[in-house]
Amino acid sequence: MSDTVHLSLAQVHDLAMRALIHNGMGEDHARAIAQVITQGQRDECHSHGLYRVLVCVGSLRSGKVSPVAQPTVSHPAPSIINIDAHRAYSLLALETGVPLLVEQARALGVAALVIRNCFHFSALWPEVEAIAAHGLVGMAMTPSHAWVAPHGGSKGVFGTNPLAFAWPRPGQEPFVFDFATSAIARGDIELHARQGKPIPLGWGLDAEGTPTTDAQAALGGAMQTFGGHKGSALAAMIELMAGALIGDMTSAQSLTFDGGAGATPCHGELLLAFDPKRFLGDDLEQGLQSAEQLFGAITQQGARLPSQRRFAARQRSERDGVFVDSQLIHDIEQLLV
């Protein structure tokens, strides 16, 4: 068996769709999930690509996730859109909410989209890129499970707690960053464990709180924050903003809710959108030009902007397709038996 299998992006989407629907996922949810999985595989974010099909099906089989619940919308304030996912995956709720978020941001200058009671597995850059595609500045944040120790600690308190930001750039890809406040995404440690590869020091601690290069030991112990106390503080902020503030679970509460089922984390998500036209008015072009001068000052000295590697991978994948680990393809195909 070859180490990799060549697939078109259409084949990636079709494989994800078939595996999800075969295992009981409603077609509308499956389509929303398959689209984001395809985006992850396209951009060579392997821990958020087809690998997540296994995670989604495992969560479905746990009985925790609703495969068919439809999101419902409320407006607790003019600038706030609240969507209840009713214990389904977040992505159909996101599709429902983004147009409303854009509408309110354009009307008011700033708007927030709250997604509650959802299971969230995806990267956050698809969310903020979708906001930036409308010419808006976007931010997104979410907790997860309490897998990550605070700086100086040894037991999980925080989730991987990603934070994402996008700035629209007319005529070119937006300025985007999306990073976990943990040293690495948990999916990357899971992939290392799956492949029997060691992890770098600084990613995780074993069950005794000792730094480890053993991926399985880190999964059984605790992950570490990036940047020491700085990443720890950002992780705490996200627990507050995307947990306590929106009336949803913190990472510790989400892990307790899971009860050992091993499902995707259940919690909430907070997205913010800012309309540059409302902020800048007649000075819009000057503001956008100031941003371009900043980006130029970065790239002209040989540094790269975040997400440039992803955008380059995107162009390759759209042109040439993708190469996927053959064992992963085999494992997904087994879900269709």
C-alpha atoms as a PDB file:
ATOM      1  CA  MET A   1       0.000   0.000   0.000  1.00  0.00           C
ATOM      2  CA  SER A   2       1.342   3.429  -0.945  1.00  0.00           C
ATOM      3  CA  ASP A   3       1.954   5.830   1.929  1.00  0.00           C
ATOM      4  CA  THR A   4      -0.368   8.425   0.398  1.00  0.00           C
ATOM      5  CA  VAL A   5      -3.441   8.584  -1.814  1.00  0.00           C
ATOM      6  CA  HIS A   6      -4.001  11.386  -4.324  1.00  0.00           C
ATOM      7  CA  LEU A   7      -7.465  12.968  -4.176  1.00  0.00           C
ATOM      8  CA  SER A   8      -9.142  15.944  -5.774  1.00  0.00           C
ATOM      9  CA  LEU A   9     -10.815  18.396  -3.417  1.00  0.00           C
ATOM     10  CA  ALA A  10     -14.176  17.186  -4.724  1.00  0.00           C
ATOM     11  CA  GLN A  11     -13.207  13.638  -3.720  1.00  0.00           C
ATOM     12  CA  VAL A  12     -12.187  14.831  -0.244  1.00  0.00           C
ATOM     13  CA  HIS A  13     -15.578  16.490   0.182  1.00  0.00           C
ATOM     14  CA  ASP A  14     -17.439  13.446  -1.158  1.00  0.00           C
ATOM     15  CA  LEU A  15     -15.574  11.026   1.135  1.00  0.00           C
ATOM     16  CA  ALA A  16     -16.305  13.176   4.190  1.00  0.00           C
ATOM     17  CA  MET A  17     -19.969  13.542   3.217  1.00  0.00           C
ATOM     18  CA  ARG A  18     -20.477   9.835   2.620  1.00  0.00           C
ATOM     19  CA  ALA A  19     -18.809   8.813   5.889  1.00  0.00           C
ATOM     20  CA  LEU A  20     -20.819  11.306   7.924  1.00  0.00           C
ATOM     21  CA  ILE A  21     -24.201  10.530   6.343  1.00  0.00           C
ATOM     22  CA  HIS A  22     -23.586   6.758   6.494  1.00  0.00           C
ATOM     23  CA  ASN A  23     -23.052   7.121  10.234  1.00  0.00           C
ATOM     24  CA  GLY A  24     -26.270   9.021  10.815  1.00  0.00           C
ATOM     25  CA  MET A  25     -25.404  12.696  10.324  1.00  0.00           C
ATOM     26  CA  GLY A  26     -28.158  14.808   8.803  1.00  0.00           C
ATOM     27  CA  GLU A  27     -27.373  15.919   5.264  1.00  0.00           C
ATOM     28  CA  ASP A  28     -27.341  19.659   6.036  1.00  0.00           C
ATOM     29  CA  HIS A  29     -24.968  19.168   8.960  1.00  0.00           C
ATOM     30  CA  ALA A  30     -22.810  16.781   6.915  1.00  0.00           C
ATOM     31  CA  ARG A  31     -22.488  19.292   4.094  1.00  0.00           C
ATOM     32  CA  ALA A  32     -21.434  22.105   6.442  1.00  0.00           C
ATOM     33  CA  ILE A  33     -18.905  19.862   8.187  1.00  0.00           C
ATOM     34  CA  ALA A  34     -17.532  18.370   4.959  1.00  0.00           C
ATOM     35  CA  GLN A  35     -16.952  21.848   3.555  1.00  0.00           C
ATOM     36  CA  VAL A  36     -14.780  22.866   6.503  1.00  0.00           C
ATOM     37  CA  ILE A  37     -12.940  19.523   6.538  1.00  0.00           C
ATOM     38  CA  THR A  38     -12.174  20.016   2.842  1.00  0.00           C
ATOM     39  CA  GLN A  39     -10.864  23.511   3.553  1.00  0.00           C
ATOM     40  CA  GLY A  40      -8.556  22.107   6.224  1.00  0.00           C
ATOM     41  CA  GLN A  41      -7.215  19.397   3.903  1.00  0.00           C
ATOM     42  CA  ARG A  42      -6.857  21.932   1.074  1.00  0.00           C
ATOM     43  CA  ASP A  43      -4.758  24.242   3.226  1.00  0.00           C
ATOM     44  CA  GLU A  44      -2.605  21.346   4.501  1.00  0.00           C
ATOM     45  CA  CYS A  45      -3.894  21.747   8.047  1.00  0.00           C
ATOM     46  CA  HIS A  46      -3.873  17.979   8.400  1.00  0.00           C
ATOM     47  CA  SER A  47      -5.124  17.830  11.987  1.00  0.00           C
ATOM     48  CA  HIS A  48      -8.275  19.667  10.835  1.00  0.00           C
ATOM     49  CA  GLY A  49      -8.720  17.895   7.499  1.00  0.00           C
ATOM     50  CA  LEU A  50     -10.000  14.385   6.778  1.00  0.00           C
ATOM     51  CA  TYR A  51      -8.674  13.186  10.137  1.00  0.00           C
ATOM     52  CA  ARG A  52     -11.633  15.012  11.673  1.00  0.00           C
ATOM     53  CA  VAL A  53     -14.046  12.604   9.972  1.00  0.00           C
ATOM     54  CA  LEU A  54     -12.894   9.968  12.455  1.00  0.00           C
ATOM     55  CA  VAL A  55     -13.399  12.416  15.316  1.00  0.00           C
ATOM     56  CA  CYS A  56     -16.886  13.414  14.149  1.00  0.00           C
ATOM     57  CA  VAL A  57     -18.071   9.831  13.689  1.00  0.00           C
ATOM     58  CA  GLY A  58     -16.631   8.849  17.068  1.00  0.00           C
ATOM     59  CA  SER A  59     -18.548  11.705  18.648  1.00  0.00           C
ATOM     60  CA  LEU A  60     -21.750  10.682  16.870  1.00  0.00           C
ATOM     61  CA  ARG A  61     -21.355   7.144  18.152  1.00  0.00           C
ATOM     62  CA  SER A  62     -20.870   8.450  21.700  1.00  0.00           C
ATOM     63  CA  GLY A  63     -24.488   9.573  21.671  1.00  0.00           C
ATOM     64  CA  LYS A  64     -23.564  13.050  22.863  1.00  0.00           C
ATOM     65  CA  VAL A  65     -23.998  14.889  19.550  1.00  0.00           C
ATOM     66  CA  SER A  66     -27.338  15.503  17.888  1.00  0.00           C
ATOM     67  CA  PRO A  67     -27.013  14.641  14.183  1.00  0.00           C
ATOM     68  CA  VAL A  68     -30.108  16.578  13.124  1.00  0.00           C
ATOM     69  CA  ALA A  69     -30.901  19.421  15.575  1.00  0.00           C
ATOM     70  CA  GLN A  70     -31.634  22.702  13.825  1.00  0.00           C
ATOM     71  CA  PRO A  71     -30.138  25.969  15.119  1.00  0.00           C
ATOM     72  CA  THR A  72     -32.487  28.625  16.484  1.00  0.00           C
ATOM     73  CA  VAL A  73     -31.813  32.370  16.494  1.00  0.00           C
ATOM     74  CA  SER A  74     -32.554  35.056  19.079  1.00  0.00           C
ATOM     75  CA  HIS A  75     -31.498  38.709  19.471  1.00  0.00           C
ATOM     76  CA  PRO A  76     -30.851  39.605  23.123  1.00  0.00           C
ATOM     77  CA  ALA A  77     -29.589  43.036  22.008  1.00  0.00           C
ATOM     78  CA  PRO A  78     -29.374  44.847  18.654  1.00  0.00           C
ATOM     79  CA  SER A  79     -25.662  44.068  18.297  1.00  0.00           C
ATOM     80  CA  ILE A  80     -25.854  40.447  19.525  1.00  0.00           C
ATOM     81  CA  ILE A  81     -27.029  37.430  17.537  1.00  0.00           C
ATOM     82  CA  ASN A  82     -27.504  34.364  19.729  1.00  0.00           C
ATOM     83  CA  ILE A  83     -27.740  30.951  18.083  1.00  0.00           C
ATOM     84  CA  ASP A  84     -28.562  27.811  20.030  1.00  0.00           C
ATOM     85  CA  ALA A  85     -27.137  24.748  18.271  1.00  0.00           C
ATOM     86  CA  HIS A  86     -29.102  22.381  20.553  1.00  0.00           C
ATOM     87  CA  ARG A  87     -26.133  20.047  21.104  1.00  0.00           C
ATOM     88  CA  ALA A  88     -25.346  19.642  17.405  1.00  0.00           C
ATOM     89  CA  TYR A  89     -22.078  20.513  15.683  1.00  0.00           C
ATOM     90  CA  SER A  90     -21.396  24.222  15.375  1.00  0.00           C
ATOM     91  CA  LEU A  91     -20.962  24.590  11.625  1.00  0.00           C
ATOM     92  CA  LEU A  92     -24.606  24.675  10.531  1.00  0.00           C
ATOM     93  CA  ALA A  93     -25.228  27.265  13.253  1.00  0.00           C
ATOM     94  CA  LEU A  94     -22.258  29.216  11.915  1.00  0.00           C
ATOM     95  CA  GLU A  95     -23.684  29.157   8.371  1.00  0.00           C
ATOM     96  CA  THR A  96     -26.962  30.445   9.786  1.00  0.00           C
ATOM     97  CA  GLY A  97     -25.333  33.177  11.852  1.00  0.00           C
ATOM     98  CA  VAL A  98     -22.672  34.741   9.644  1.00  0.00           C
ATOM     99  CA  PRO A  99     -25.111  36.568   7.305  1.00  0.00           C
ATOM    100  CA  LEU A 100     -26.890  37.994  10.354  1.00  0.00           C
ATOM    101  CA  LEU A 101     -23.569  39.012  11.911  1.00  0.00           C
ATOM    102  CA  VAL A 102     -22.534  40.802   8.718  1.00  0.00           C
ATOM    103  CA  GLU A 103     -25.879  42.605   8.502  1.00  0.00           C
ATOM    104  CA  GLN A 104     -25.699  43.862  12.082  1.00  0.00           C
ATOM    105  CA  ALA A 105     -22.027  44.865  11.858  1.00  0.00           C
ATOM    106  CA  ARG A 106     -22.778  46.970   8.801  1.00  0.00           C
ATOM    107  CA  ALA A 107     -25.748  48.565  10.538  1.00  0.00           C
ATOM    108  CA  LEU A 108     -24.112  49.201  13.917  1.00  0.00           C
ATOM    109  CA  GLY A 109     -20.359  49.139  13.278  1.00  0.00           C
ATOM    110  CA  VAL A 110     -19.740  46.266  15.703  1.00  0.00           C
ATOM    111  CA  ALA A 111     -21.676  43.034  16.220  1.00  0.00           C
ATOM    112  CA  ALA A 112     -21.275  39.752  18.072  1.00  0.00           C
ATOM    113  CA  LEU A 113     -22.350  36.247  17.114  1.00  0.00           C
ATOM    114  CA  VAL A 114     -22.782  33.844  20.018  1.00  0.00           C
ATOM    115  CA  ILE A 115     -23.106  30.134  19.243  1.00  0.00           C
ATOM    116  CA  ARG A 116     -24.161  28.145  22.292  1.00  0.00           C
ATOM    117  CA  ASN A 117     -24.649  24.471  23.130  1.00  0.00           C
ATOM    118  CA  CYS A 118     -22.526  23.307  20.216  1.00  0.00           C
ATOM    119  CA  PHE A 119     -19.856  20.704  19.569  1.00  0.00           C
ATOM    120  CA  HIS A 120     -16.890  22.441  17.954  1.00  0.00           C
ATOM    121  CA  PHE A 121     -13.941  20.711  16.265  1.00  0.00           C
ATOM    122  CA  SER A 122     -12.851  22.992  13.447  1.00  0.00           C
ATOM    123  CA  ALA A 123     -10.083  25.532  13.097  1.00  0.00           C
ATOM    124  CA  LEU A 124     -11.242  29.136  13.501  1.00  0.00           C
ATOM    125  CA  TRP A 125      -9.709  30.611  10.359  1.00  0.00           C
ATOM    126  CA  PRO A 126     -12.694  29.494   8.211  1.00  0.00           C
ATOM    127  CA  GLU A 127     -14.912  31.569  10.512  1.00  0.00           C
ATOM    128  CA  VAL A 128     -12.856  34.749  10.392  1.00  0.00           C
ATOM    129  CA  GLU A 129     -12.075  34.388   6.688  1.00  0.00           C
ATOM    130  CA  ALA A 130     -15.833  34.199   6.052  1.00  0.00           C
ATOM    131  CA  ILE A 131     -16.231  37.496   7.934  1.00  0.00           C
ATOM    132  CA  ALA A 132     -13.322  39.156   6.109  1.00  0.00           C
ATOM    133  CA  ALA A 133     -14.810  38.088   2.759  1.00  0.00           C
ATOM    134  CA  HIS A 134     -17.525  40.675   3.433  1.00  0.00           C
ATOM    135  CA  GLY A 135     -14.973  43.439   3.990  1.00  0.00           C
ATOM    136  CA  LEU A 136     -15.249  43.223   7.789  1.00  0.00           C
ATOM    137  CA  VAL A 137     -12.636  42.680  10.467  1.00  0.00           C
ATOM    138  CA  GLY A 138     -13.304  39.422  12.308  1.00  0.00           C
ATOM    139  CA  MET A 139     -12.336  37.763  15.569  1.00  0.00           C
ATOM    140  CA  ALA A 140     -13.300  34.349  16.919  1.00  0.00           C
ATOM    141  CA  MET A 141     -12.528  32.413  20.089  1.00  0.00           C
ATOM    142  CA  THR A 142     -13.653  29.238  21.785  1.00  0.00           C
ATOM    143  CA  PRO A 143     -12.742  27.019  24.762  1.00  0.00           C
ATOM    144  CA  SER A 144     -12.554  23.219  24.462  1.00  0.00           C
ATOM    145  CA  HIS A 145     -11.807  20.551  27.123  1.00  0.00           C
ATOM    146  CA  ALA A 146      -9.592  21.144  30.157  1.00  0.00           C
ATOM    147  CA  TRP A 147      -6.527  19.514  28.640  1.00  0.00           C
ATOM    148  CA  VAL A 148      -4.071  22.387  29.166  1.00  0.00           C
ATOM    149  CA  ALA A 149      -2.253  23.209  32.381  1.00  0.00           C
ATOM    150  CA  PRO A 150      -1.843  26.842  33.439  1.00  0.00           C
ATOM    151  CA  HIS A 151       1.714  28.122  33.382  1.00  0.00           C
ATOM    152  CA  GLY A 152       3.446  26.780  36.477  1.00  0.00           C
ATOM    153  CA  GLY A 153       0.793  24.108  37.005  1.00  0.00           C
ATOM    154  CA  SER A 154       0.554  20.455  36.043  1.00  0.00           C
ATOM    155  CA  LYS A 155      -3.164  19.681  35.696  1.00  0.00           C
ATOM    156  CA  GLY A 156      -5.557  20.636  32.932  1.00  0.00           C
ATOM    157  CA  VAL A 157      -7.669  23.758  33.520  1.00  0.00           C
ATOM    158  CA  PHE A 158      -7.833  25.453  30.131  1.00  0.00           C
ATOM    159  CA  GLY A 159      -8.813  24.184  26.737  1.00  0.00           C
ATOM    160  CA  THR A 160      -6.575  24.604  23.723  1.00  0.00           C
ATOM    161  CA  ASN A 161      -8.581  27.853  23.471  1.00  0.00           C
ATOM    162  CA  PRO A 162      -7.850  29.120  19.953  1.00  0.00           C
ATOM    163  CA  LEU A 163      -7.998  32.778  18.981  1.00  0.00           C
ATOM    164  CA  ALA A 164      -8.379  33.924  15.377  1.00  0.00           C
ATOM    165  CA  PHE A 165      -8.329  37.313  13.653  1.00  0.00           C
ATOM    166  CA  ALA A 166      -8.837  38.427  10.058  1.00  0.00           C
ATOM    167  CA  TRP A 167      -8.278  41.821   8.398  1.00  0.00           C
ATOM    168  CA  PRO A 168      -9.739  42.221   4.888  1.00  0.00           C
ATOM    169  CA  ARG A 169      -7.353  43.230   2.091  1.00  0.00           C
ATOM    170  CA  PRO A 170      -9.196  44.197  -1.095  1.00  0.00           C
ATOM    171  CA  GLY A 171      -7.956  42.234  -4.093  1.00  0.00           C
ATOM    172  CA  GLN A 172      -5.853  39.761  -2.116  1.00  0.00           C
ATOM    173  CA  GLU A 173      -5.997  37.231   0.698  1.00  0.00           C
ATOM    174  CA  PRO A 174      -6.824  38.697   4.120  1.00  0.00           C
ATOM    175  CA  PHE A 175      -4.352  39.058   6.944  1.00  0.00           C
ATOM    176  CA  VAL A 176      -5.276  36.074   9.130  1.00  0.00           C
ATOM    177  CA  PHE A 177      -3.938  34.390  12.195  1.00  0.00           C
ATOM    178  CA  ASP A 178      -5.432  31.458  14.048  1.00  0.00           C
ATOM    179  CA  PHE A 179      -3.564  29.835  16.884  1.00  0.00           C
ATOM    180  CA  ALA A 180      -4.264  27.757  19.928  1.00  0.00           C
ATOM    181  CA  THR A 181      -3.197  29.295  23.210  1.00  0.00           C
ATOM    182  CA  SER A 182      -1.773  25.861  23.959  1.00  0.00           C
ATOM    183  CA  ALA A 183       1.691  25.181  22.569  1.00  0.00           C
ATOM    184  CA  ILE A 184       0.103  23.154  19.759  1.00  0.00           C
ATOM    185  CA  ALA A 185      -3.369  22.003  18.713  1.00  0.00           C
ATOM    186  CA  ARG A 186      -4.438  18.778  20.418  1.00  0.00           C
ATOM    187  CA  GLY A 187      -5.101  17.205  17.043  1.00  0.00           C
ATOM    188  CA  ASP A 188      -1.398  17.522  16.231  1.00  0.00           C
ATOM    189  CA  ILE A 189      -0.472  15.553  19.358  1.00  0.00           C
ATOM    190  CA  GLU A 190      -3.113  12.979  18.436  1.00  0.00           C
ATOM    191  CA  LEU A 191      -1.583  12.638  14.969  1.00  0.00           C
ATOM    192  CA  HIS A 192       1.887  12.163  16.493  1.00  0.00           C
ATOM    193  CA  ALA A 193       0.486   9.459  18.776  1.00  0.00           C
ATOM    194  CA  ARG A 194      -1.319   7.814  15.852  1.00  0.00           C
ATOM    195  CA  GLN A 195       1.928   7.733  13.849  1.00  0.00           C
ATOM    196  CA  GLY A 196       4.154   6.743  16.793  1.00  0.00           C
ATOM    197  CA  LYS A 197       6.196   9.939  16.561  1.00  0.00           C
ATOM    198  CA  PRO A 198       7.723  11.828  19.510  1.00  0.00           C
ATOM    199  CA  ILE A 199       6.584  15.376  20.234  1.00  0.00           C
ATOM    200  CA  PRO A 200       8.902  18.310  20.983  1.00  0.00           C
ATOM    201  CA  LEU A 201       9.525  19.297  24.577  1.00  0.00           C
ATOM    202  CA  GLY A 202       7.216  22.124  25.557  1.00  0.00           C
ATOM    203  CA  TRP A 203       4.082  20.562  24.094  1.00  0.00           C
ATOM    204  CA  GLY A 204       2.984  18.438  27.031  1.00  0.00           C
ATOM    205  CA  LEU A 205       3.426  16.988  30.508  1.00  0.00           C
ATOM    206  CA  ASP A 206       2.924  13.395  31.604  1.00  0.00           C
ATOM    207  CA  ALA A 207       0.513  12.375  34.365  1.00  0.00           C
ATOM    208  CA  GLU A 208       3.120  13.266  37.004  1.00  0.00           C
ATOM    209  CA  GLY A 209       3.571  16.767  35.584  1.00  0.00           C
ATOM    210  CA  THR A 210       6.972  16.052  34.027  1.00  0.00           C
ATOM    211  CA  PRO A 211       7.745  17.442  30.558  1.00  0.00           C
ATOM    212  CA  THR A 212       7.552  14.640  27.991  1.00  0.00           C
ATOM    213  CA  THR A 213       8.263  13.863  24.344  1.00  0.00           C
ATOM    214  CA  ASP A 214       5.854  10.890  24.410  1.00  0.00           C
ATOM    215  CA  ALA A 215       2.643  11.869  22.610  1.00  0.00           C
ATOM    216  CA  GLN A 216       0.540   9.253  24.405  1.00  0.00           C
ATOM    217  CA  ALA A 217       1.894  10.369  27.782  1.00  0.00           C
ATOM    218  CA  ALA A 218       1.007  13.975  26.971  1.00  0.00           C
ATOM    219  CA  LEU A 219      -2.523  12.947  25.973  1.00  0.00           C
ATOM    220  CA  GLY A 220      -2.823  11.207  29.337  1.00  0.00           C
ATOM    221  CA  GLY A 221      -1.306  14.131  31.228  1.00  0.00           C
ATOM    222  CA  ALA A 222      -1.651  17.790  30.312  1.00  0.00           C
ATOM    223  CA  MET A 223      -0.771  20.046  27.416  1.00  0.00           C
ATOM    224  CA  GLN A 224       1.217  23.249  27.920  1.00  0.00           C
ATOM    225  CA  THR A 225       0.425  26.838  26.976  1.00  0.00           C
ATOM    226  CA  PHE A 226       2.508  28.712  24.407  1.00  0.00           C
ATOM    227  CA  GLY A 227       4.608  31.607  25.655  1.00  0.00           C
ATOM    228  CA  GLY A 228       4.464  30.617  29.305  1.00  0.00           C
ATOM    229  CA  HIS A 229       2.425  33.023  31.447  1.00  0.00           C
ATOM    230  CA  LYS A 230       1.337  35.070  28.401  1.00  0.00           C
ATOM    231  CA  GLY A 231      -0.388  32.157  26.708  1.00  0.00           C
ATOM    232  CA  SER A 232      -1.837  31.171  30.060  1.00  0.00           C
ATOM    233  CA  ALA A 233      -3.410  34.617  30.505  1.00  0.00           C
ATOM    234  CA  LEU A 234      -4.867  34.570  26.987  1.00  0.00           C
ATOM    235  CA  ALA A 235      -6.308  31.102  27.633  1.00  0.00           C
ATOM    236  CA  ALA A 236      -8.000  32.424  30.781  1.00  0.00           C
ATOM    237  CA  MET A 237      -9.399  35.387  28.827  1.00  0.00           C
ATOM    238  CA  ILE A 238     -10.979  33.027  26.289  1.00  0.00           C
ATOM    239  CA  GLU A 239     -12.529  30.924  29.064  1.00  0.00           C
ATOM    240  CA  LEU A 240     -14.165  34.132  30.310  1.00  0.00           C
ATOM    241  CA  MET A 241     -15.149  35.658  26.952  1.00  0.00           C
ATOM    242  CA  ALA A 242     -16.350  32.488  25.201  1.00  0.00           C
ATOM    243  CA  GLY A 243     -17.562  30.678  28.297  1.00  0.00           C
ATOM    244  CA  ALA A 244     -18.687  32.727  31.273  1.00  0.00           C
ATOM    245  CA  LEU A 245     -19.661  35.836  29.274  1.00  0.00           C
ATOM    246  CA  ILE A 246     -21.929  33.980  26.850  1.00  0.00           C
ATOM    247  CA  GLY A 247     -23.480  31.679  29.439  1.00  0.00           C
ATOM    248  CA  ASP A 248     -21.878  28.498  28.189  1.00  0.00           C
ATOM    249  CA  MET A 249     -19.436  25.961  29.610  1.00  0.00           C
ATOM    250  CA  THR A 250     -15.820  26.546  30.486  1.00  0.00           C
ATOM    251  CA  SER A 251     -13.338  23.904  29.363  1.00  0.00           C
ATOM    252  CA  ALA A 252     -13.448  22.209  32.776  1.00  0.00           C
ATOM    253  CA  GLN A 253     -17.248  22.108  32.694  1.00  0.00           C
ATOM    254  CA  SER A 254     -17.173  20.749  29.143  1.00  0.00           C
ATOM    255  CA  LEU A 255     -14.835  17.927  30.164  1.00  0.00           C
ATOM    256  CA  THR A 256     -17.124  17.054  33.072  1.00  0.00           C
ATOM    257  CA  PHE A 257     -20.126  17.083  30.717  1.00  0.00           C
ATOM    258  CA  ASP A 258     -18.310  14.644  28.423  1.00  0.00           C
ATOM    259  CA  GLY A 259     -18.143  12.152  31.291  1.00  0.00           C
ATOM    260  CA  GLY A 260     -15.492  10.008  29.631  1.00  0.00           C
ATOM    261  CA  ALA A 261     -17.409   9.577  26.365  1.00  0.00           C
ATOM    262  CA  GLY A 262     -14.471  10.946  24.378  1.00  0.00           C
ATOM    263  CA  ALA A 263     -16.676  13.159  22.221  1.00  0.00           C
ATOM    264  CA  THR A 264     -15.725  16.426  20.582  1.00  0.00           C
ATOM    265  CA  PRO A 265     -15.813  19.228  23.211  1.00  0.00           C
ATOM    266  CA  CYS A 266     -19.212  20.808  23.818  1.00  0.00           C
ATOM    267  CA  HIS A 267     -19.236  24.519  24.658  1.00  0.00           C
ATOM    268  CA  GLY A 268     -19.844  27.895  23.006  1.00  0.00           C
ATOM    269  CA  GLU A 269     -18.147  30.192  20.531  1.00  0.00           C
ATOM    270  CA  LEU A 270     -17.884  33.962  20.329  1.00  0.00           C
ATOM    271  CA  LEU A 271     -17.370  35.777  17.026  1.00  0.00           C
ATOM    272  CA  LEU A 272     -16.976  39.541  16.639  1.00  0.00           C
ATOM    273  CA  ALA A 273     -17.241  41.631  13.472  1.00  0.00           C
ATOM    274  CA  PHE A 274     -16.141  45.245  12.966  1.00  0.00           C
ATOM    275  CA  ASP A 275     -17.063  47.346   9.928  1.00  0.00           C
ATOM    276  CA  PRO A 276     -14.114  49.535   8.811  1.00  0.00           C
ATOM    277  CA  LYS A 277     -16.506  51.754   6.855  1.00  0.00           C
ATOM    278  CA  ARG A 278     -18.393  52.593  10.043  1.00  0.00           C
ATOM    279  CA  PHE A 279     -15.215  53.183  12.032  1.00  0.00           C
ATOM    280  CA  LEU A 280     -13.400  55.227   9.400  1.00  0.00           C
ATOM    281  CA  GLY A 281     -16.075  56.905   7.303  1.00  0.00           C
ATOM    282  CA  ASP A 282     -14.387  59.241   4.809  1.00  0.00           C
ATOM    283  CA  ASP A 283     -10.987  58.055   6.106  1.00  0.00           C
ATOM    284  CA  LEU A 284     -11.570  54.446   5.003  1.00  0.00           C
ATOM    285  CA  GLU A 285      -8.950  54.425   2.252  1.00  0.00           C
ATOM    286  CA  GLN A 286      -6.399  56.069   4.540  1.00  0.00           C
ATOM    287  CA  GLY A 287      -7.019  53.430   7.197  1.00  0.00           C
ATOM    288  CA  LEU A 288      -6.685  50.561   4.744  1.00  0.00           C
ATOM    289  CA  GLN A 289      -3.516  52.107   3.338  1.00  0.00           C
ATOM    290  CA  SER A 290      -2.043  52.361   6.830  1.00  0.00           C
ATOM    291  CA  ALA A 291      -2.667  48.629   7.218  1.00  0.00           C
ATOM    292  CA  GLU A 292      -0.938  47.905   3.902  1.00  0.00           C
ATOM    293  CA  GLN A 293       2.065  49.981   4.994  1.00  0.00           C
ATOM    294  CA  LEU A 294       2.272  47.848   8.129  1.00  0.00           C
ATOM    295  CA  PHE A 295       2.127  44.620   6.139  1.00  0.00           C
ATOM    296  CA  GLY A 296       4.768  45.962   3.749  1.00  0.00           C
ATOM    297  CA  ALA A 297       7.079  46.843   6.637  1.00  0.00           C
ATOM    298  CA  ILE A 298       6.851  43.186   7.693  1.00  0.00           C
ATOM    299  CA  THR A 299       7.343  41.514   4.326  1.00  0.00           C
ATOM    300  CA  GLN A 300       9.942  43.889   2.897  1.00  0.00           C
ATOM    301  CA  GLN A 301      12.481  42.710   5.461  1.00  0.00           C
ATOM    302  CA  GLY A 302      11.958  39.070   4.578  1.00  0.00           C
ATOM    303  CA  ALA A 303       9.435  38.169   7.268  1.00  0.00           C
ATOM    304  CA  ARG A 304       6.186  36.532   6.257  1.00  0.00           C
ATOM    305  CA  LEU A 305       2.647  37.293   7.237  1.00  0.00           C
ATOM    306  CA  PRO A 306       0.728  34.610   9.137  1.00  0.00           C
ATOM    307  CA  SER A 307      -1.255  32.180   6.965  1.00  0.00           C
ATOM    308  CA  GLN A 308       0.994  32.705   3.920  1.00  0.00           C
ATOM    309  CA  ARG A 309       1.976  29.027   4.068  1.00  0.00           C
ATOM    310  CA  ARG A 310      -1.703  28.080   4.111  1.00  0.00           C
ATOM    311  CA  PHE A 311      -2.507  30.316   1.163  1.00  0.00           C
ATOM    312  CA  ALA A 312       0.355  28.815  -0.851  1.00  0.00           C
ATOM    313  CA  ALA A 313      -0.896  25.316   0.013  1.00  0.00           C
ATOM    314  CA  ARG A 314      -4.397  26.386  -1.028  1.00  0.00           C
ATOM    315  CA  GLN A 315      -3.183  27.344  -4.497  1.00  0.00           C
ATOM    316  CA  ARG A 316      -1.323  24.034  -4.895  1.00  0.00           C
ATOM    317  CA  SER A 317      -4.279  21.985  -3.725  1.00  0.00           C
ATOM    318  CA  GLU A 318      -6.784  23.779  -5.925  1.00  0.00           C
ATOM    319  CA  ARG A 319      -4.482  23.172  -8.887  1.00  0.00           C
ATOM    320  CA  ASP A 320      -3.093  19.707  -8.142  1.00  0.00           C
ATOM    321  CA  GLY A 321      -5.334  18.080  -5.531  1.00  0.00           C
ATOM    322  CA  VAL A 322      -4.040  16.705  -2.229  1.00  0.00           C
ATOM    323  CA  PHE A 323      -2.109  13.696  -0.939  1.00  0.00           C
ATOM    324  CA  VAL A 324      -3.671  12.000   2.080  1.00  0.00           C
ATOM    325  CA  ASP A 325      -2.176   9.346   4.356  1.00  0.00           C
ATOM    326  CA  SER A 326      -3.333   5.977   3.026  1.00  0.00           C
ATOM    327  CA  GLN A 327      -3.997   4.550   6.491  1.00  0.00           C
ATOM    328  CA  LEU A 328      -6.308   7.478   7.200  1.00  0.00           C
ATOM    329  CA  ILE A 329      -8.208   6.816   3.958  1.00  0.00           C
ATOM    330  CA  HIS A 330      -8.487   3.135   4.921  1.00  0.00           C
ATOM    331  CA  ASP A 331      -9.825   4.022   8.370  1.00  0.00           C
ATOM    332  CA  ILE A 332     -12.448   6.391   6.905  1.00  0.00           C
ATOM    333  CA  GLU A 333     -13.503   3.787   4.335  1.00  0.00           C
ATOM    334  CA  GLN A 334     -14.017   1.323   7.190  1.00  0.00           C
ATOM    335  CA  LEU A 335     -16.655   3.708   8.521  1.00  0.00           C
ATOM    336  CA  LEU A 336     -18.624   3.032   5.331  1.00  0.00           C
ATOM    337  CA  VAL A 337     -18.755  -0.731   5.837  1.00  0.00           C
END
